[in-house]
Each structure stands twice: as structure tokens, then as C-alpha cells.
C-alpha atoms as a PDB file:
ATOM      1  CA  UNK A   1     114.955 113.700  94.850  1.00  0.00           C
ATOM      2  CA  UNK A   2     111.600 114.926  93.504  1.00  0.00           C
ATOM      3  CA  UNK A   3     110.112 113.491  90.347  1.00  0.00           C
ATOM      4  CA  UNK A   4     110.429 116.803  88.500  1.00  0.00           C
ATOM      5  CA  UNK A   5     114.154 116.820  89.296  1.00  0.00           C
ATOM      6  CA  UNK A   6     114.452 113.394  87.655  1.00  0.00           C
ATOM      7  CA  UNK A   7     112.583 114.640  84.595  1.00  0.00           C
ATOM      8  CA  UNK A   8     114.833 117.696  84.613  1.00  0.00           C
ATOM      9  CA  UNK A   9     117.908 115.511  84.111  1.00  0.00           C
ATOM     10  CA  UNK A  10     116.275 114.194  80.927  1.00  0.00           C
ATOM     11  CA  UNK A  11     114.705 117.465  79.808  1.00  0.00           C
ATOM     12  CA  UNK A  12     116.795 118.029  76.699  1.00  0.00           C
ATOM     13  CA  UNK A  13     116.302 114.466  75.488  1.00  0.00           C
ATOM     14  CA  UNK A  14     112.595 114.441  76.387  1.00  0.00           C
ATOM     15  CA  UNK A  15     112.109 117.740  74.519  1.00  0.00           C
ATOM     16  CA  UNK A  16     113.620 116.004  71.492  1.00  0.00           C
ATOM     17  CA  UNK A  17     111.280 113.007  71.938  1.00  0.00           C
ATOM     18  CA  UNK A  18     108.301 115.350  72.282  1.00  0.00           C
ATOM     19  CA  UNK A  19     109.188 117.090  69.013  1.00  0.00           C
ATOM     20  CA  UNK A  20     109.543 113.716  67.293  1.00  0.00           C
ATOM     21  CA  UNK A  21     106.132 112.657  68.647  1.00  0.00           C
ATOM     22  CA  UNK A  22     104.455 115.633  67.025  1.00  0.00           C
ATOM     23  CA  UNK A  23     106.459 115.240  63.828  1.00  0.00           C
ATOM     24  CA  UNK A  24     105.612 111.549  63.543  1.00  0.00           C
ATOM     25  CA  UNK A  25     101.871 112.039  63.048  1.00  0.00           C
ATOM     26  CA  UNK A  26     101.914 115.050  60.724  1.00  0.00           C
ATOM     27  CA  UNK A  27     101.492 115.231  56.990  1.00  0.00           C
ATOM     28  CA  UNK A  28      99.577 112.233  55.625  1.00  0.00           C
ATOM     29  CA  UNK A  29      96.059 113.597  55.987  1.00  0.00           C
ATOM     30  CA  UNK A  30      94.937 116.950  57.371  1.00  0.00           C
ATOM     31  CA  UNK A  31      92.110 115.576  59.526  1.00  0.00           C
ATOM     32  CA  UNK A  32      94.087 112.610  60.871  1.00  0.00           C
ATOM     33  CA  UNK A  33      96.955 114.940  61.734  1.00  0.00           C
ATOM     34  CA  UNK A  34      94.545 117.276  63.520  1.00  0.00           C
ATOM     35  CA  UNK A  35      92.840 114.553  65.530  1.00  0.00           C
ATOM     36  CA  UNK A  36      96.156 112.915  66.464  1.00  0.00           C
ATOM     37  CA  UNK A  37      97.636 116.253  67.521  1.00  0.00           C
ATOM     38  CA  UNK A  38      94.542 116.948  69.612  1.00  0.00           C
ATOM     39  CA  UNK A  39      95.324 113.892  71.723  1.00  0.00           C
ATOM     40  CA  UNK A  40      99.042 114.629  72.061  1.00  0.00           C
ATOM     41  CA  UNK A  41      98.359 118.247  73.044  1.00  0.00           C
ATOM     42  CA  UNK A  42      96.193 117.040  75.925  1.00  0.00           C
ATOM     43  CA  UNK A  43      99.480 116.105  77.571  1.00  0.00           C
ATOM     44  CA  UNK A  44     100.302 113.118  79.723  1.00  0.00           C
ATOM     45  CA  UNK A  45     103.102 111.939  81.970  1.00  0.00           C
ATOM     46  CA  UNK A  46     105.151 110.485  79.081  1.00  0.00           C
ATOM     47  CA  UNK A  47     106.260 107.750  81.461  1.00  0.00           C
ATOM     48  CA  UNK A  48     106.884 105.226  78.703  1.00  0.00           C
ATOM     49  CA  UNK A  49     109.461 107.355  76.824  1.00  0.00           C
ATOM     50  CA  UNK A  50     111.087 108.231  80.143  1.00  0.00           C
ATOM     51  CA  UNK A  51     111.408 104.529  80.959  1.00  0.00           C
ATOM     52  CA  UNK A  52     112.910 103.920  77.507  1.00  0.00           C
ATOM     53  CA  UNK A  53     115.548 106.602  78.050  1.00  0.00           C
ATOM     54  CA  UNK A  54     116.379 105.412  81.559  1.00  0.00           C
ATOM     55  CA  UNK A  55     116.595 101.829  80.307  1.00  0.00           C
ATOM     56  CA  UNK A  56     119.004 103.055  77.656  1.00  0.00           C
ATOM     57  CA  UNK A  57     121.322 104.401  80.353  1.00  0.00           C
ATOM     58  CA  UNK A  58     122.256 100.797  81.236  1.00  0.00           C
ATOM     59  CA  UNK A  59     123.827 100.284  77.799  1.00  0.00           C
ATOM     60  CA  UNK A  60     125.360 102.405  75.036  1.00  0.00           C
ATOM     61  CA  UNK A  61     123.037 105.410  75.293  1.00  0.00           C
ATOM     62  CA  UNK A  62     122.193 106.747  71.830  1.00  0.00           C
ATOM     63  CA  UNK A  63     119.215 109.100  71.577  1.00  0.00           C
ATOM     64  CA  UNK A  64     118.999 108.709  67.794  1.00  0.00           C
ATOM     65  CA  UNK A  65     118.395 104.977  68.262  1.00  0.00           C
ATOM     66  CA  UNK A  66     116.237 105.306  71.361  1.00  0.00           C
ATOM     67  CA  UNK A  67     113.786 107.666  69.667  1.00  0.00           C
ATOM     68  CA  UNK A  68     112.729 104.743  67.453  1.00  0.00           C
ATOM     69  CA  UNK A  69     111.604 102.935  70.612  1.00  0.00           C
ATOM     70  CA  UNK A  70     110.415 105.829  72.793  1.00  0.00           C
ATOM     71  CA  UNK A  71     108.187 107.498  70.186  1.00  0.00           C
ATOM     72  CA  UNK A  72     106.459 104.282  68.983  1.00  0.00           C
ATOM     73  CA  UNK A  73     105.719 103.163  72.544  1.00  0.00           C
ATOM     74  CA  UNK A  74     104.114 106.499  73.426  1.00  0.00           C
ATOM     75  CA  UNK A  75     102.152 106.411  70.164  1.00  0.00           C
ATOM     76  CA  UNK A  76     100.902 102.885  70.912  1.00  0.00           C
ATOM     77  CA  UNK A  77      99.784 104.034  74.349  1.00  0.00           C
ATOM     78  CA  UNK A  78      98.064 107.079  72.820  1.00  0.00           C
ATOM     79  CA  UNK A  79      96.287 104.986  70.177  1.00  0.00           C
ATOM     80  CA  UNK A  80      94.955 102.666  72.869  1.00  0.00           C
ATOM     81  CA  UNK A  81      93.520 105.680  74.716  1.00  0.00           C
ATOM     82  CA  UNK A  82      91.641 106.848  71.618  1.00  0.00           C
ATOM     83  CA  UNK A  83      90.094 103.398  71.222  1.00  0.00           C
ATOM     84  CA  UNK A  84      89.384 103.180  74.977  1.00  0.00           C
ATOM     85  CA  UNK A  85      87.421 106.423  74.850  1.00  0.00           C
ATOM     86  CA  UNK A  86      85.198 105.048  72.099  1.00  0.00           C
ATOM     87  CA  UNK A  87      84.559 101.813  73.996  1.00  0.00           C
ATOM     88  CA  UNK A  88      83.939 103.668  77.263  1.00  0.00           C
ATOM     89  CA  UNK A  89      81.928 106.475  75.618  1.00  0.00           C
ATOM     90  CA  UNK A  90      84.213 108.906  77.451  1.00  0.00           C
ATOM     91  CA  UNK A  91      83.644 112.623  76.927  1.00  0.00           C
ATOM     92  CA  UNK A  92      86.838 113.908  78.540  1.00  0.00           C
ATOM     93  CA  UNK A  93      90.415 112.799  79.092  1.00  0.00           C
ATOM     94  CA  UNK A  94      92.957 114.800  81.070  1.00  0.00           C
ATOM     95  CA  UNK A  95      90.288 117.470  81.393  1.00  0.00           C
ATOM     96  CA  UNK A  96      89.959 117.929  77.627  1.00  0.00           C
ATOM     97  CA  UNK A  97      87.330 116.633  75.152  1.00  0.00           C
ATOM     98  CA  UNK A  98      88.216 113.226  73.748  1.00  0.00           C
ATOM     99  CA  UNK A  99      88.664 112.688  70.004  1.00  0.00           C
ATOM    100  CA  UNK A 100      85.348 110.814  69.876  1.00  0.00           C
ATOM    101  CA  UNK A 101      83.588 113.659  71.708  1.00  0.00           C
ATOM    102  CA  UNK A 102      85.028 116.441  69.522  1.00  0.00           C
ATOM    103  CA  UNK A 103      84.585 114.516  66.264  1.00  0.00           C
ATOM    104  CA  UNK A 104      82.814 111.129  66.358  1.00  0.00           C
ATOM    105  CA  UNK A 105      83.371 107.419  66.909  1.00  0.00           C
ATOM    106  CA  UNK A 106      84.388 106.643  63.336  1.00  0.00           C
ATOM    107  CA  UNK A 107      86.978 109.420  63.220  1.00  0.00           C
ATOM    108  CA  UNK A 108      88.312 108.317  66.617  1.00  0.00           C
ATOM    109  CA  UNK A 109      88.705 104.689  65.526  1.00  0.00           C
ATOM    110  CA  UNK A 110      90.562 105.665  62.358  1.00  0.00           C
ATOM    111  CA  UNK A 111      92.710 108.059  64.392  1.00  0.00           C
ATOM    112  CA  UNK A 112      93.726 105.231  66.712  1.00  0.00           C
ATOM    113  CA  UNK A 113      94.481 102.958  63.742  1.00  0.00           C
ATOM    114  CA  UNK A 114      96.536 105.720  62.104  1.00  0.00           C
ATOM    115  CA  UNK A 115      98.604 106.285  65.257  1.00  0.00           C
ATOM    116  CA  UNK A 116      99.231 102.527  65.624  1.00  0.00           C
ATOM    117  CA  UNK A 117     100.434 102.350  62.016  1.00  0.00           C
ATOM    118  CA  UNK A 118     102.755 105.317  62.529  1.00  0.00           C
ATOM    119  CA  UNK A 119     104.226 103.616  65.591  1.00  0.00           C
ATOM    120  CA  UNK A 120     105.026 100.466  63.632  1.00  0.00           C
ATOM    121  CA  UNK A 121     106.612 102.439  60.788  1.00  0.00           C
ATOM    122  CA  UNK A 122     108.950 104.206  63.227  1.00  0.00           C
ATOM    123  CA  UNK A 123     109.906 100.998  65.039  1.00  0.00           C
ATOM    124  CA  UNK A 124     111.117  99.427  61.779  1.00  0.00           C
ATOM    125  CA  UNK A 125     113.952 101.984  61.734  1.00  0.00           C
ATOM    126  CA  UNK A 126     115.752  99.697  64.177  1.00  0.00           C
ATOM    127  CA  UNK A 127     116.899  96.472  62.515  1.00  0.00           C
ATOM    128  CA  UNK A 128     116.500  94.232  65.517  1.00  0.00           C
ATOM    129  CA  UNK A 129     114.129  91.281  65.065  1.00  0.00           C
ATOM    130  CA  UNK A 130     113.989  90.582  68.817  1.00  0.00           C
ATOM    131  CA  UNK A 131     112.776  94.115  69.470  1.00  0.00           C
ATOM    132  CA  UNK A 132     110.085  93.807  66.790  1.00  0.00           C
ATOM    133  CA  UNK A 133     108.892  90.460  68.181  1.00  0.00           C
ATOM    134  CA  UNK A 134     108.601  91.846  71.713  1.00  0.00           C
ATOM    135  CA  UNK A 135     106.709  94.906  70.488  1.00  0.00           C
ATOM    136  CA  UNK A 136     104.315  92.895  68.298  1.00  0.00           C
ATOM    137  CA  UNK A 137     103.596  90.368  71.057  1.00  0.00           C
ATOM    138  CA  UNK A 138     102.805  93.164  73.511  1.00  0.00           C
ATOM    139  CA  UNK A 139     100.384  94.769  71.051  1.00  0.00           C
ATOM    140  CA  UNK A 140      98.574  91.456  70.606  1.00  0.00           C
ATOM    141  CA  UNK A 141      98.288  91.061  74.373  1.00  0.00           C
ATOM    142  CA  UNK A 142      96.995  94.623  74.739  1.00  0.00           C
ATOM    143  CA  UNK A 143      94.234  93.846  72.251  1.00  0.00           C
ATOM    144  CA  UNK A 144      93.323  90.696  74.185  1.00  0.00           C
ATOM    145  CA  UNK A 145      93.214  92.747  77.380  1.00  0.00           C
ATOM    146  CA  UNK A 146      90.866  95.263  75.772  1.00  0.00           C
ATOM    147  CA  UNK A 147      88.532  92.493  74.625  1.00  0.00           C
ATOM    148  CA  UNK A 148      88.565  90.976  78.107  1.00  0.00           C
ATOM    149  CA  UNK A 149      87.594  94.316  79.594  1.00  0.00           C
ATOM    150  CA  UNK A 150      84.651  94.617  77.204  1.00  0.00           C
ATOM    151  CA  UNK A 151      83.507  91.069  78.030  1.00  0.00           C
ATOM    152  CA  UNK A 152      83.781  91.828  81.738  1.00  0.00           C
ATOM    153  CA  UNK A 153      81.702  95.014  81.736  1.00  0.00           C
ATOM    154  CA  UNK A 154      79.482  94.850  84.847  1.00  0.00           C
ATOM    155  CA  UNK A 155      80.804  91.361  85.649  1.00  0.00           C
ATOM    156  CA  UNK A 156      80.601  91.437  89.452  1.00  0.00           C
ATOM    157  CA  UNK A 157      81.615  87.766  89.776  1.00  0.00           C
ATOM    158  CA  UNK A 158      85.175  88.163  88.485  1.00  0.00           C
ATOM    159  CA  UNK A 159      88.082  87.119  90.693  1.00  0.00           C
ATOM    160  CA  UNK A 160      91.097  89.159  91.732  1.00  0.00           C
ATOM    161  CA  UNK A 161      93.276  86.824  89.647  1.00  0.00           C
ATOM    162  CA  UNK A 162      91.170  87.529  86.557  1.00  0.00           C
ATOM    163  CA  UNK A 163      91.419  91.280  87.149  1.00  0.00           C
ATOM    164  CA  UNK A 164      95.203  91.079  87.532  1.00  0.00           C
ATOM    165  CA  UNK A 165      95.578  89.123  84.294  1.00  0.00           C
ATOM    166  CA  UNK A 166      93.531  91.772  82.486  1.00  0.00           C
ATOM    167  CA  UNK A 167      95.561  94.730  83.739  1.00  0.00           C
ATOM    168  CA  UNK A 168      98.775  92.822  83.006  1.00  0.00           C
ATOM    169  CA  UNK A 169      97.779  92.722  79.355  1.00  0.00           C
ATOM    170  CA  UNK A 170      96.133  96.119  79.202  1.00  0.00           C
ATOM    171  CA  UNK A 171      98.686  98.243  81.066  1.00  0.00           C
ATOM    172  CA  UNK A 172     101.646  96.520  82.679  1.00  0.00           C
ATOM    173  CA  UNK A 173     103.146  94.897  79.573  1.00  0.00           C
ATOM    174  CA  UNK A 174     103.646  98.182  77.727  1.00  0.00           C
ATOM    175  CA  UNK A 175     105.411  99.729  80.706  1.00  0.00           C
ATOM    176  CA  UNK A 176     107.503  96.568  81.132  1.00  0.00           C
ATOM    177  CA  UNK A 177     108.725  96.568  77.542  1.00  0.00           C
ATOM    178  CA  UNK A 178     109.393 100.324  77.680  1.00  0.00           C
ATOM    179  CA  UNK A 179     112.062  99.600  80.288  1.00  0.00           C
ATOM    180  CA  UNK A 180     113.242  96.452  78.519  1.00  0.00           C
ATOM    181  CA  UNK A 181     113.458  97.814  74.970  1.00  0.00           C
ATOM    182  CA  UNK A 182     115.391 100.913  76.018  1.00  0.00           C
ATOM    183  CA  UNK A 183     118.090  98.598  77.360  1.00  0.00           C
ATOM    184  CA  UNK A 184     117.815  96.202  74.413  1.00  0.00           C
ATOM    185  CA  UNK A 185     118.207  99.005  71.862  1.00  0.00           C
ATOM    186  CA  UNK A 186     121.286 100.171  73.765  1.00  0.00           C
ATOM    187  CA  UNK A 187     122.926  96.726  73.681  1.00  0.00           C
ATOM    188  CA  UNK A 188     122.692  96.147  77.437  1.00  0.00           C
ATOM    189  CA  UNK A 189     123.163  92.575  78.628  1.00  0.00           C
ATOM    190  CA  UNK A 190     120.282  90.094  78.592  1.00  0.00           C
ATOM    191  CA  UNK A 191     120.290  90.022  82.394  1.00  0.00           C
ATOM    192  CA  UNK A 192     119.909  93.802  82.574  1.00  0.00           C
ATOM    193  CA  UNK A 193     116.968  94.059  80.186  1.00  0.00           C
ATOM    194  CA  UNK A 194     115.339  91.060  81.873  1.00  0.00           C
ATOM    195  CA  UNK A 195     115.556  92.785  85.277  1.00  0.00           C
ATOM    196  CA  UNK A 196     114.264  96.018  83.789  1.00  0.00           C
ATOM    197  CA  UNK A 197     111.310  94.146  82.293  1.00  0.00           C
ATOM    198  CA  UNK A 198     110.522  92.719  85.743  1.00  0.00           C
ATOM    199  CA  UNK A 199     110.801  96.186  87.288  1.00  0.00           C
ATOM    200  CA  UNK A 200     108.549  97.727  84.629  1.00  0.00           C
ATOM    201  CA  UNK A 201     105.962  94.960  84.865  1.00  0.00           C
ATOM    202  CA  UNK A 202     105.541  95.404  88.619  1.00  0.00           C
ATOM    203  CA  UNK A 203     105.473  99.192  88.354  1.00  0.00           C
ATOM    204  CA  UNK A 204     102.852  98.849  85.607  1.00  0.00           C
ATOM    205  CA  UNK A 205     100.642  96.651  87.783  1.00  0.00           C
ATOM    206  CA  UNK A 206     100.866  99.151  90.638  1.00  0.00           C
ATOM    207  CA  UNK A 207     100.226 102.004  88.191  1.00  0.00           C
ATOM    208  CA  UNK A 208      96.903 100.525  87.043  1.00  0.00           C
ATOM    209  CA  UNK A 209      95.762  99.660  90.570  1.00  0.00           C
ATOM    210  CA  UNK A 210      96.532 103.234  91.618  1.00  0.00           C
ATOM    211  CA  UNK A 211      94.636 104.497  88.561  1.00  0.00           C
ATOM    212  CA  UNK A 212      91.614 102.460  89.640  1.00  0.00           C
ATOM    213  CA  UNK A 213      91.889 103.837  93.174  1.00  0.00           C
ATOM    214  CA  UNK A 214      92.071 107.418  91.912  1.00  0.00           C
ATOM    215  CA  UNK A 215      88.876 106.886  89.924  1.00  0.00           C
ATOM    216  CA  UNK A 216      87.125 106.359  93.264  1.00  0.00           C
ATOM    217  CA  UNK A 217      89.171 108.573  95.605  1.00  0.00           C
ATOM    218  CA  UNK A 218      90.239 111.436  93.333  1.00  0.00           C
ATOM    219  CA  UNK A 219      88.498 114.645  92.315  1.00  0.00           C
ATOM    220  CA  UNK A 220      87.436 115.633  88.822  1.00  0.00           C
ATOM    221  CA  UNK A 221      90.059 118.391  88.869  1.00  0.00           C
ATOM    222  CA  UNK A 222      92.890 116.056  89.858  1.00  0.00           C
ATOM    223  CA  UNK A 223      92.069 113.106  87.568  1.00  0.00           C
ATOM    224  CA  UNK A 224      90.539 114.977  84.610  1.00  0.00           C
ATOM    225  CA  UNK A 225      87.250 113.034  84.648  1.00  0.00           C
ATOM    226  CA  UNK A 226      84.314 112.613  87.044  1.00  0.00           C
ATOM    227  CA  UNK A 227      84.978 110.160  89.918  1.00  0.00           C
ATOM    228  CA  UNK A 228      83.294 106.808  89.411  1.00  0.00           C
ATOM    229  CA  UNK A 229      83.709 106.910  85.628  1.00  0.00           C
ATOM    230  CA  UNK A 230      84.996 103.327  85.569  1.00  0.00           C
ATOM    231  CA  UNK A 231      81.912 102.030  87.331  1.00  0.00           C
ATOM    232  CA  UNK A 232      79.516 103.955  85.112  1.00  0.00           C
ATOM    233  CA  UNK A 233      81.258 102.439  82.099  1.00  0.00           C
ATOM    234  CA  UNK A 234      80.912  98.952  83.581  1.00  0.00           C
ATOM    235  CA  UNK A 235      84.570  98.504  84.476  1.00  0.00           C
ATOM    236  CA  UNK A 236      84.658  96.578  87.772  1.00  0.00           C
ATOM    237  CA  UNK A 237      88.034  97.392  89.315  1.00  0.00           C
ATOM    238  CA  UNK A 238      90.046  95.929  92.188  1.00  0.00           C
ATOM    239  CA  UNK A 239      88.642  98.052  95.059  1.00  0.00           C
ATOM    240  CA  UNK A 240      85.119  97.143  93.908  1.00  0.00           C
ATOM    241  CA  UNK A 241      85.973  93.423  93.721  1.00  0.00           C
ATOM    242  CA  UNK A 242      87.361  93.560  97.260  1.00  0.00           C
ATOM    243  CA  UNK A 243      84.335  95.507  98.551  1.00  0.00           C
ATOM    244  CA  UNK A 244      81.991  92.910  97.033  1.00  0.00           C
ATOM    245  CA  UNK A 245      83.739  90.244  99.102  1.00  0.00           C
ATOM    246  CA  UNK A 246      82.440  91.843 102.324  1.00  0.00           C
ATOM    247  CA  UNK A 247      79.312  90.019 103.367  1.00  0.00           C
ATOM    248  CA  UNK A 248      77.390  92.972 104.797  1.00  0.00           C
ATOM    249  CA  UNK A 249      78.179  95.159 101.807  1.00  0.00           C
ATOM    250  CA  UNK A 250      77.741  92.784  98.897  1.00  0.00           C
ATOM    251  CA  UNK A 251      73.949  92.943  98.445  1.00  0.00           C
ATOM    252  CA  UNK A 252      73.504  96.750  98.705  1.00  0.00           C
ATOM    253  CA  UNK A 253      76.558  97.378  96.513  1.00  0.00           C
ATOM    254  CA  UNK A 254      75.308  94.922  93.879  1.00  0.00           C
ATOM    255  CA  UNK A 255      71.988  96.771  93.941  1.00  0.00           C
ATOM    256  CA  UNK A 256      73.715 100.129  93.342  1.00  0.00           C
ATOM    257  CA  UNK A 257      75.840  98.714  90.507  1.00  0.00           C
ATOM    258  CA  UNK A 258      72.695  97.275  88.907  1.00  0.00           C
ATOM    259  CA  UNK A 259      71.034 100.705  89.101  1.00  0.00           C
ATOM    260  CA  UNK A 260      74.093 102.340  87.512  1.00  0.00           C
ATOM    261  CA  UNK A 261      73.964  99.803  84.702  1.00  0.00           C
ATOM    262  CA  UNK A 262      70.302 100.550  84.050  1.00  0.00           C
ATOM    263  CA  UNK A 263      70.776 104.335  84.088  1.00  0.00           C
ATOM    264  CA  UNK A 264      73.840 104.353  81.833  1.00  0.00           C
ATOM    265  CA  UNK A 265      76.656 106.886  81.485  1.00  0.00           C
ATOM    266  CA  UNK A 266      74.792 109.662  83.339  1.00  0.00           C
ATOM    267  CA  UNK A 267      74.073 107.520  86.412  1.00  0.00           C
ATOM    268  CA  UNK A 268      74.789 108.825  89.890  1.00  0.00           C
ATOM    269  CA  UNK A 269      77.546 106.617  91.287  1.00  0.00           C
ATOM    270  CA  UNK A 270      77.997 108.560  94.541  1.00  0.00           C
ATOM    271  CA  UNK A 271      76.243 105.986  96.779  1.00  0.00           C
ATOM    272  CA  UNK A 272      78.277 103.119  95.355  1.00  0.00           C
ATOM    273  CA  UNK A 273      81.485 105.124  95.762  1.00  0.00           C
ATOM    274  CA  UNK A 274      80.689 105.861  99.404  1.00  0.00           C
ATOM    275  CA  UNK A 275      80.061 102.178 100.049  1.00  0.00           C
ATOM    276  CA  UNK A 276      83.422 101.250  98.556  1.00  0.00           C
ATOM    277  CA  UNK A 277      85.205 104.018 100.468  1.00  0.00           C
ATOM    278  CA  UNK A 278      83.697 102.707 103.712  1.00  0.00           C
ATOM    279  CA  UNK A 279      84.884  99.167 102.953  1.00  0.00           C
ATOM    280  CA  UNK A 280      88.289  97.521 103.161  1.00  0.00           C
ATOM    281  CA  UNK A 281      88.466  97.626  99.358  1.00  0.00           C
ATOM    282  CA  UNK A 282      90.616 100.759  99.213  1.00  0.00           C
ATOM    283  CA  UNK A 283      93.173  99.662 101.812  1.00  0.00           C
ATOM    284  CA  UNK A 284      93.417  96.131 100.385  1.00  0.00           C
ATOM    285  CA  UNK A 285      94.023  97.497  96.867  1.00  0.00           C
ATOM    286  CA  UNK A 286      96.668  99.878  98.246  1.00  0.00           C
ATOM    287  CA  UNK A 287      98.391  96.969  99.996  1.00  0.00           C
ATOM    288  CA  UNK A 288      98.530  94.968  96.774  1.00  0.00           C
ATOM    289  CA  UNK A 289      99.959  97.963  94.900  1.00  0.00           C
ATOM    290  CA  UNK A 290     102.608  98.249  97.634  1.00  0.00           C
ATOM    291  CA  UNK A 291     103.515  94.592  97.099  1.00  0.00           C
ATOM    292  CA  UNK A 292     104.052  95.139  93.385  1.00  0.00           C
ATOM    293  CA  UNK A 293     106.253  98.154  94.103  1.00  0.00           C
ATOM    294  CA  UNK A 294     108.249  96.021  96.536  1.00  0.00           C
ATOM    295  CA  UNK A 295     108.848  93.468  93.765  1.00  0.00           C
ATOM    296  CA  UNK A 296     109.933  96.286  91.429  1.00  0.00           C
ATOM    297  CA  UNK A 297     112.457  97.448  94.023  1.00  0.00           C
ATOM    298  CA  UNK A 298     113.757  93.893  94.407  1.00  0.00           C
ATOM    299  CA  UNK A 299     114.456  93.748  90.657  1.00  0.00           C
ATOM    300  CA  UNK A 300     116.303  97.072  90.788  1.00  0.00           C
ATOM    301  CA  UNK A 301     118.450  95.883  93.682  1.00  0.00           C
ATOM    302  CA  UNK A 302     119.971  93.276  91.358  1.00  0.00           C
ATOM    303  CA  UNK A 303     121.162  96.012  88.972  1.00  0.00           C
ATOM    304  CA  UNK A 304     124.447  97.884  89.433  1.00  0.00           C
ATOM    305  CA  UNK A 305     124.170 100.879  91.746  1.00  0.00           C
ATOM    306  CA  UNK A 306     123.899 104.105  89.747  1.00  0.00           C
ATOM    307  CA  UNK A 307     122.073 107.418  89.518  1.00  0.00           C
ATOM    308  CA  UNK A 308     119.733 105.857  86.965  1.00  0.00           C
ATOM    309  CA  UNK A 309     118.803 103.050  89.350  1.00  0.00           C
ATOM    310  CA  UNK A 310     118.013 105.668  92.010  1.00  0.00           C
ATOM    311  CA  UNK A 311     115.840 107.553  89.518  1.00  0.00           C
ATOM    312  CA  UNK A 312     113.890 104.393  88.719  1.00  0.00           C
ATOM    313  CA  UNK A 313     113.273 103.822  92.429  1.00  0.00           C
ATOM    314  CA  UNK A 314     111.966 107.382  92.826  1.00  0.00           C
ATOM    315  CA  UNK A 315     109.619 106.943  89.858  1.00  0.00           C
ATOM    316  CA  UNK A 316     108.260 103.695  91.321  1.00  0.00           C
ATOM    317  CA  UNK A 317     107.499 105.483  94.594  1.00  0.00           C
ATOM    318  CA  UNK A 318     105.788 108.311  92.716  1.00  0.00           C
ATOM    319  CA  UNK A 319     103.655 105.879  90.706  1.00  0.00           C
ATOM    320  CA  UNK A 320     102.396 104.221  93.874  1.00  0.00           C
ATOM    321  CA  UNK A 321     101.583 107.429  95.750  1.00  0.00           C
ATOM    322  CA  UNK A 322     100.459 109.681  92.904  1.00  0.00           C
ATOM    323  CA  UNK A 323      97.295 111.767  93.219  1.00  0.00           C
ATOM    324  CA  UNK A 324      96.753 112.442  89.495  1.00  0.00           C
END
């Protein structure tokens, strides 16, 4: 089954979630509504709400309840992107101008704060303290992950373990709790939402590794930003870490990264990219992503066989092989 077929089975419910997303950020202030809508209109895969809905299929599926998980999680993700674009000085996202590029840094920061606050307001509609604790803890960890990324800008000495801990906090946790909270809000058993968390965590790790690979291997048209953007911003990703471990490549690659750092956001990263593409960095990163997907599949195999379980497997395969 193709990914679009899976989304098609959820189309009516996802259309409802999309309407609620837009509705959730309207009305309080004209400018904040405009800037928030600008981000939402840029699109996105909406993977987190989809995971919430699929997680809900393992319990007593109730869209009215699930919207109070699905919408906040997508809003939290969106708010983190607005803040990321300020930190990274990014001019485009998904091929469209970022909030900071169209307005300015201050407006972008307040927009992100506004979207976070809206997410928390919506989540309180569900009177489940466990759900609120999980959500709050994940938001704290996301913030820690963001700070770690800032501290590690142009840190070419970081280990693979350190990188993995950072992406766990920055990306994987939110995807993990999207799967978990959908089941929790639907009164699924503790074992089920624990397995779904494990599935989501491993898919999230693979998702970020694949994102880092696309930044080096993709085209501007396919990824919505110039290739090598991570490196120009100082973000040393897994393929780069692996490439730096190759003795014959380390010194020239370090020299190129140093030049990029000196030249700033407009630096030419093409030589560094070619070095990484010629190394084992790409294949080693792909192998690690495959391992995480394997662990996600193992978690799913412990769940009862169903159409929803099959859909989750198909999404995991898409995440690991996606080209955008």
C-alpha cells in the first residue's frame, strides 16, 4: 500500500484536524494570527497528527478527544520550527519564506511562543494528568535538545552517541509521544501505548537521520532549502561525523568546515558536500537509520495484527526511504 493510500483512509479525520489547526491560532491578535497562519500554510507532512490518530485506533477511537492531542502536538512541532529558523538564520522552509525572513526575529520568536501557548491551552481540554506530564516532559527535553544544538555549532569533535542523544531530544521524543498519547487518550492498555512509544521513538530517530542525509544528498527543489544548509548553520550531522572519522578525509574536511564557518551563511559548501558524498558517511548513516527502523518494526510485531499495524509499518518504511 502506498503512503497516500494510508493517508486517504484518514482523510476525513485529517481534514477535521487541519481545520482545527487553523482555527486554534486565529483571533487573539491580527499579526500573530497572520504569522502563525503563514507557517501552517507552508504545509508539511502532518506526521504527528497522523500518528496520534493511528495510535487512537488501538483503543476507543474518538476524534473529538484525539483532536486535543493531535492539534497541540502539531502546534508544538510548528513552534519549534519557527524558533529553529531564527537560531539557524534560515530564509526558507518548505520552499517558502520563513516567518523570520518575512517579518523579523522578534516577531518570529513571539510567534513561536504564541503557538506553544495555544498548544498547551488545547491540551488542557483532556483531564488526564498522565498525558499532561508526558507532554510537559517532552517539551522540556526538546528545549534541552535545542540548547545542545546551539552549543554544538561547528563542534567537529562530537561523538555519534552525543549526536544521537541530541536528536532523541530534538526530534524523536515528539514523534514517540504522538504515537503514545493517541493510544493513551483512547484508553488503550499500558502495554499498547508503551509499544507505540517505542515504535515512534525509533521511527523518529530514523526520521532525523534521513533528514540530515537529505540535507546533503537532496536538491533544493526536493527539500525546500539549499543543500548543505545544516553545515552552513554549524550543525554537524551524522554523515559529517562519520566522514570525519576517515583518516584521509579528516584534515581536508576540517579545513572546508573552517572556511564555511568563517564565510557564514552564504558560504559555498559544495566542496565539503562532495567530500562527504565520497566517504562512507552516507552509507553508515543509512545503515544506522535502517537499524532504528528494524527496532520500530520489532515493537509493532508485539502488537495485535490489524490494518492499523500494517499502516504504521508502511509509514516507517516511507520515513526511512523518503526523498523530501
